[in-house]
Amino acid sequence: MSMSETLELVSANRSFGGWHKRYRHYSRALDCDMEFAVYLPPQAESERVPLLWWLSGLTCNDENFMQKAGAQRLAAELGIAIVCPDTSPRGTDLPGEHESYDLGSGAGFYVNATEAPWKPHYRMYDYIIEELPSVVRQHFPVNGRESISGHSMGGHGALILALRHPGRFSSVSAFAPIVNPMECPWGQKAFTNYLGDDQSRWRQYDACELVANGASRQRLFIDQGEADQFLEEQLKPERLEAVCEEHDHPLTLRRQPGYDHSYFFIASFIEDHLRYHAEHLMKR
């Protein structure tokens, strides 16, 4: 099958000698059309390159990170491709899907929903870990080495995907992640709606629970702004810090004074994260 039969090019922009491209495709996991973005560094024109997955947060789509984080310059220098998926299914018109910013559209939480009306479409976990990687491997010059990062809800996604799939990702990092969604309003609202009231189903999607259960030994690298407006109620990094210390799980948690939850924060430290991932992706 040719690319034109499975991927529709939405836009293409030259950037730092490489290409930022957006594509549309039909997702079987989500049973709807989806868009995603990919940055291909200049090196991808002549060789296969490693890949960084970026998962975005609430209300975002594939465009926020690519336009605001300033990642392309360094990705071009390091020879790393970046893929940024959307944050939820789109256009399914489920009841209640567009009524609040923290549930439904733009708020998939990277879980596989088990409850009506979400179950047929809201299967972002399978989409991110299985379907979209298959599409990317089929159509882009990547070499099989992958790392993962994300912000807020996407930081939660990056942590749980890495912890649940030991060895899949060379490295994992996050900006201001939701580390304990079972114990914060955002997570409780999403999990109740997507997964039902049985909290035993929730644990597989909670980084603190996964660390406590010894799911993986992979080092976690996290930046958290100390002026983040969601720090105390939603993010609670001290809970992950405590569980990692209790279970001797490797964690680097940097608290950044004065920084908030915005892309100004991400842009300030994205270079550190890209270099961190490059160090692991380039290991032989």
Protein backbone atom coordinates (compact mmCIF):
# COMPACT_ATOMS: atom_id res chain seq x y z
CA MET A 1 0.00 0.00 0.00
CA SER A 2 1.40 3.42 -0.86
CA MET A 3 1.54 6.26 1.61
CA SER A 4 -1.08 8.19 -0.35
CA GLU A 5 -3.60 5.41 0.31
CA THR A 6 -3.17 5.47 4.08
CA LEU A 7 -1.84 8.90 5.08
CA GLU A 8 -3.12 12.26 3.88
CA LEU A 9 -0.59 15.09 4.06
CA VAL A 10 -2.27 18.07 5.74
CA SER A 11 0.65 20.52 5.72
CA ALA A 12 4.43 20.69 5.39
CA ASN A 13 6.85 23.34 6.65
CA ARG A 14 10.61 23.47 6.20
CA SER A 15 12.25 23.91 9.58
CA PHE A 16 15.97 23.99 10.48
CA GLY A 17 16.85 22.00 7.38
CA GLY A 18 14.26 19.32 8.12
CA TRP A 19 10.50 19.10 7.75
CA HIS A 20 7.56 19.58 10.07
CA LYS A 21 4.62 17.71 8.55
CA ARG A 22 1.04 17.04 9.63
CA TYR A 23 -0.88 13.98 8.49
CA ARG A 24 -4.42 12.68 8.71
CA HIS A 25 -5.27 8.98 8.82
CA TYR A 26 -8.07 6.66 9.86
CA SER A 27 -7.46 5.05 13.24
CA ARG A 28 -8.89 1.58 13.76
CA ALA A 29 -8.23 1.78 17.50
CA LEU A 30 -10.27 4.96 17.83
CA ASP A 31 -12.65 4.40 14.90
CA CYS A 32 -12.26 7.95 13.58
CA ASP A 33 -9.90 10.10 11.56
CA MET A 34 -6.89 11.40 13.48
CA GLU A 35 -4.16 13.93 12.81
CA PHE A 36 -0.58 13.82 14.06
CA ALA A 37 2.57 15.83 13.50
CA VAL A 38 6.10 14.65 12.76
CA TYR A 39 9.35 16.57 12.68
CA LEU A 40 11.94 14.91 10.47
CA PRO A 41 15.48 16.27 10.97
CA PRO A 42 17.82 16.81 7.98
CA GLN A 43 19.56 13.49 8.72
CA ALA A 44 16.31 11.63 7.90
CA GLU A 45 16.85 12.37 4.21
CA SER A 46 19.83 10.03 4.11
CA GLU A 47 19.53 7.65 7.08
CA ARG A 48 17.12 6.22 9.63
CA VAL A 49 16.92 8.27 12.81
CA PRO A 50 15.80 7.73 16.43
CA LEU A 51 12.42 9.01 17.54
CA LEU A 52 11.03 10.99 20.46
CA TRP A 53 7.32 10.69 21.20
CA TRP A 54 5.77 13.82 22.69
CA LEU A 55 2.40 13.57 24.46
CA SER A 56 0.58 16.83 25.10
CA GLY A 57 -1.74 17.92 27.89
CA LEU A 58 -5.37 18.87 28.40
CA THR A 59 -6.99 21.00 25.64
CA CYS A 60 -3.97 20.51 23.35
CA ASN A 61 -3.67 18.80 19.99
CA ASP A 62 -0.65 17.95 17.83
CA GLU A 63 0.10 21.62 17.12
CA ASN A 64 0.86 23.13 20.55
CA PHE A 65 4.22 21.52 21.18
CA MET A 66 5.44 21.86 17.61
CA GLN A 67 4.64 25.57 17.49
CA LYS A 68 5.55 26.67 21.03
CA ALA A 69 8.30 24.47 22.49
CA GLY A 70 11.13 25.45 20.14
CA ALA A 71 12.29 21.84 19.84
CA GLN A 72 13.09 21.69 16.12
CA ARG A 73 16.42 23.52 16.19
CA LEU A 74 18.00 21.08 18.61
CA ALA A 75 16.23 18.05 17.15
CA ALA A 76 17.82 18.98 13.80
CA GLU A 77 21.24 19.27 15.44
CA LEU A 78 20.87 15.95 17.29
CA GLY A 79 19.28 14.06 14.40
CA ILE A 80 16.11 13.07 16.27
CA ALA A 81 12.63 12.79 14.79
CA ILE A 82 9.67 13.91 16.93
CA VAL A 83 6.14 12.59 16.65
CA CYS A 84 3.31 14.45 18.38
CA PRO A 85 -0.09 12.70 18.41
CA ASP A 86 -3.40 14.34 19.24
CA THR A 87 -4.67 14.10 22.82
CA SER A 88 -8.04 12.43 22.16
CA PRO A 89 -10.28 11.13 19.41
CA ARG A 90 -11.87 13.90 17.35
CA GLY A 91 -15.22 14.32 15.68
CA THR A 92 -16.98 11.35 17.27
CA ASP A 93 -19.78 13.57 18.70
CA LEU A 94 -20.39 11.52 21.80
CA PRO A 95 -22.80 12.94 24.41
CA GLY A 96 -20.89 15.25 26.75
CA GLU A 97 -17.72 15.06 24.68
CA HIS A 98 -17.29 18.83 24.29
CA GLU A 99 -18.83 20.11 27.52
CA SER A 100 -15.71 20.47 29.69
CA TYR A 101 -12.00 20.96 29.08
CA ASP A 102 -10.93 18.03 31.28
CA LEU A 103 -13.13 15.25 29.86
CA GLY A 104 -13.76 14.12 26.31
CA SER A 105 -12.33 16.15 23.44
CA GLY A 106 -8.71 17.09 24.19
CA ALA A 107 -8.68 14.98 27.35
CA GLY A 108 -8.18 11.34 26.41
CA PHE A 109 -5.83 10.69 29.38
CA TYR A 110 -4.03 7.96 27.40
CA VAL A 111 -6.29 5.19 28.74
CA ASN A 112 -8.47 2.54 27.09
CA ALA A 113 -12.01 3.44 28.14
CA THR A 114 -14.22 0.59 29.34
CA GLU A 115 -17.43 2.58 29.98
CA ALA A 116 -20.22 3.91 27.75
CA PRO A 117 -20.30 6.14 25.81
CA TRP A 118 -16.50 6.39 25.65
CA LYS A 119 -15.51 2.75 25.10
CA PRO A 120 -15.74 2.52 21.27
CA HIS A 121 -13.50 5.54 20.60
CA TYR A 122 -11.51 6.59 23.66
CA ARG A 123 -8.73 4.03 23.40
CA MET A 124 -5.75 6.36 23.35
CA TYR A 125 -3.52 3.87 25.16
CA ASP A 126 -3.73 1.36 22.30
CA TYR A 127 -3.44 4.14 19.74
CA ILE A 128 -0.20 5.49 21.24
CA ILE A 129 1.51 2.21 22.14
CA GLU A 130 0.46 0.09 19.14
CA GLU A 131 -1.34 1.66 16.20
CA LEU A 132 0.44 4.97 15.64
CA PRO A 133 3.93 3.47 16.12
CA SER A 134 3.08 0.92 13.45
CA VAL A 135 2.03 3.71 11.08
CA VAL A 136 5.20 5.68 11.84
CA ARG A 137 7.48 2.70 11.31
CA GLN A 138 5.77 1.94 8.01
CA HIS A 139 6.04 5.40 6.53
CA PHE A 140 9.01 7.26 8.05
CA PRO A 141 12.78 6.61 8.21
CA VAL A 142 13.05 5.74 11.91
CA ASN A 143 15.56 3.25 13.27
CA GLY A 144 13.54 1.59 16.03
CA ARG A 145 15.08 3.46 18.96
CA GLU A 146 12.40 5.43 20.80
CA SER A 147 12.09 7.71 23.82
CA ILE A 148 9.00 9.40 25.23
CA SER A 149 8.15 12.67 26.95
CA GLY A 150 5.13 14.83 27.64
CA HIS A 151 3.50 17.61 29.62
CA SER A 152 0.85 17.48 32.36
CA MET A 153 -1.73 14.89 31.19
CA GLY A 154 0.84 13.95 28.53
CA GLY A 155 3.52 13.63 31.19
CA HIS A 156 1.20 11.16 32.92
CA GLY A 157 0.88 9.32 29.60
CA ALA A 158 4.63 9.20 29.05
CA LEU A 159 5.29 7.85 32.56
CA ILE A 160 2.67 5.10 32.48
CA LEU A 161 3.57 3.95 28.96
CA ALA A 162 7.25 3.71 29.85
CA LEU A 163 6.64 2.02 33.20
CA ARG A 164 4.25 -0.54 31.70
CA HIS A 165 6.53 -1.42 28.79
CA PRO A 166 10.03 -1.98 30.20
CA GLY A 167 12.67 -1.80 27.49
CA ARG A 168 10.36 -0.22 24.92
CA PHE A 169 11.67 3.32 25.43
CA SER A 170 15.34 4.22 25.77
CA SER A 171 14.39 7.02 28.16
CA VAL A 172 11.38 8.85 29.58
CA SER A 173 10.91 12.39 30.82
CA ALA A 174 8.04 14.68 31.73
CA PHE A 175 7.16 18.29 32.42
CA ALA A 176 4.74 18.89 35.30
CA PRO A 177 3.16 15.42 34.99
CA ILE A 178 0.00 14.22 36.72
CA VAL A 179 1.83 11.56 38.73
CA ASN A 180 -1.00 10.27 40.93
CA PRO A 181 -4.25 10.66 38.94
CA MET A 182 -6.16 8.37 41.31
CA GLU A 183 -5.75 11.04 43.98
CA CYS A 184 -6.39 14.30 42.10
CA PRO A 185 -9.57 15.89 40.67
CA TRP A 186 -8.51 15.70 37.01
CA GLY A 187 -7.67 12.01 37.25
CA GLN A 188 -10.66 11.07 39.37
CA LYS A 189 -13.09 12.73 36.94
CA ALA A 190 -11.49 11.13 33.88
CA PHE A 191 -11.05 7.68 35.40
CA THR A 192 -14.59 7.55 36.80
CA ASN A 193 -16.05 8.39 33.40
CA TYR A 194 -13.69 6.33 31.24
CA LEU A 195 -13.02 3.35 33.53
CA GLY A 196 -15.95 3.21 35.96
CA ASP A 197 -16.06 3.21 39.76
CA ASP A 198 -13.89 0.12 40.29
CA GLN A 199 -10.59 1.69 41.30
CA SER A 200 -8.70 -1.54 40.73
CA ARG A 201 -8.97 -0.65 37.02
CA TRP A 202 -7.42 2.74 37.66
CA ARG A 203 -4.13 1.51 39.10
CA GLN A 204 -2.64 0.46 35.75
CA TYR A 205 -2.81 4.11 34.67
CA ASP A 206 -1.24 5.70 37.77
CA ALA A 207 2.54 6.25 37.85
CA CYS A 208 2.71 6.12 41.65
CA GLU A 209 0.89 2.80 41.70
CA LEU A 210 3.08 1.37 38.93
CA VAL A 211 6.29 2.33 40.75
CA ALA A 212 4.93 0.88 44.00
CA ASN A 213 4.15 -2.38 42.20
CA GLY A 214 7.61 -2.63 40.66
CA ALA A 215 6.38 -2.40 37.08
CA SER A 216 9.76 -1.16 35.83
CA ARG A 217 13.13 0.13 36.98
CA GLN A 218 13.42 2.80 34.31
CA ARG A 219 14.79 6.13 35.48
CA LEU A 220 12.25 8.96 35.50
CA PHE A 221 13.39 12.50 34.66
CA ILE A 222 10.91 15.24 35.61
CA ASP A 223 10.90 19.02 35.64
CA GLN A 224 8.28 20.78 37.77
CA GLY A 225 7.73 24.53 38.04
CA GLU A 226 7.35 25.75 41.61
CA ALA A 227 4.92 28.50 40.54
CA ASP A 228 2.68 26.01 38.71
CA GLN A 229 -0.95 26.91 39.43
CA PHE A 230 -1.89 23.21 39.45
CA LEU A 231 0.97 22.03 41.66
CA GLU A 232 -0.81 21.36 44.95
CA GLU A 233 -4.24 20.21 43.81
CA GLN A 234 -3.49 18.22 40.65
CA LEU A 235 0.19 17.38 40.18
CA LYS A 236 1.53 16.40 43.62
CA PRO A 237 5.12 15.50 42.61
CA GLU A 238 5.99 14.84 46.24
CA ARG A 239 3.85 11.68 46.06
CA LEU A 240 5.94 10.22 43.25
CA GLU A 241 9.10 11.34 45.01
CA ALA A 242 8.03 9.49 48.16
CA VAL A 243 7.06 6.26 46.42
CA CYS A 244 10.28 6.26 44.36
CA GLU A 245 12.31 6.74 47.53
CA GLU A 246 10.39 3.99 49.32
CA HIS A 247 10.91 1.51 46.48
CA ASP A 248 14.40 2.67 45.49
CA HIS A 249 13.18 3.65 42.02
CA PRO A 250 15.56 5.96 40.12
CA LEU A 251 14.10 9.46 39.83
CA THR A 252 15.48 12.86 38.94
CA LEU A 253 12.93 15.50 39.98
CA ARG A 254 13.99 19.09 39.39
CA ARG A 255 11.93 21.86 40.97
CA GLN A 256 12.24 25.06 38.96
CA PRO A 257 11.61 28.24 41.00
CA GLY A 258 9.28 30.79 39.43
CA TYR A 259 8.11 28.63 36.50
CA ASP A 260 4.43 27.96 35.85
CA HIS A 261 2.51 25.31 33.84
CA SER A 262 2.83 27.02 30.47
CA TYR A 263 4.88 26.48 27.33
CA PHE A 264 7.20 29.25 28.54
CA PHE A 265 8.29 26.65 31.11
CA ILE A 266 8.59 23.86 28.54
CA ALA A 267 10.55 26.01 26.10
CA SER A 268 12.97 26.96 28.89
CA PHE A 269 14.01 23.37 29.60
CA ILE A 270 13.25 21.45 26.40
CA GLU A 271 16.94 21.49 25.45
CA ASP A 272 17.86 19.62 28.63
CA HIS A 273 15.24 16.98 27.86
CA LEU A 274 16.23 16.57 24.21
CA ARG A 275 19.89 16.18 25.12
CA TYR A 276 18.94 13.69 27.85
CA HIS A 277 16.98 11.60 25.36
CA ALA A 278 19.69 11.88 22.69
CA GLU A 279 22.23 10.53 25.16
CA HIS A 280 20.11 7.39 25.60
CA LEU A 281 18.92 7.08 22.02
CA MET A 282 22.44 7.17 20.61
CA LYS A 283 23.78 4.44 22.89
CA ARG A 284 24.75 1.29 21.05
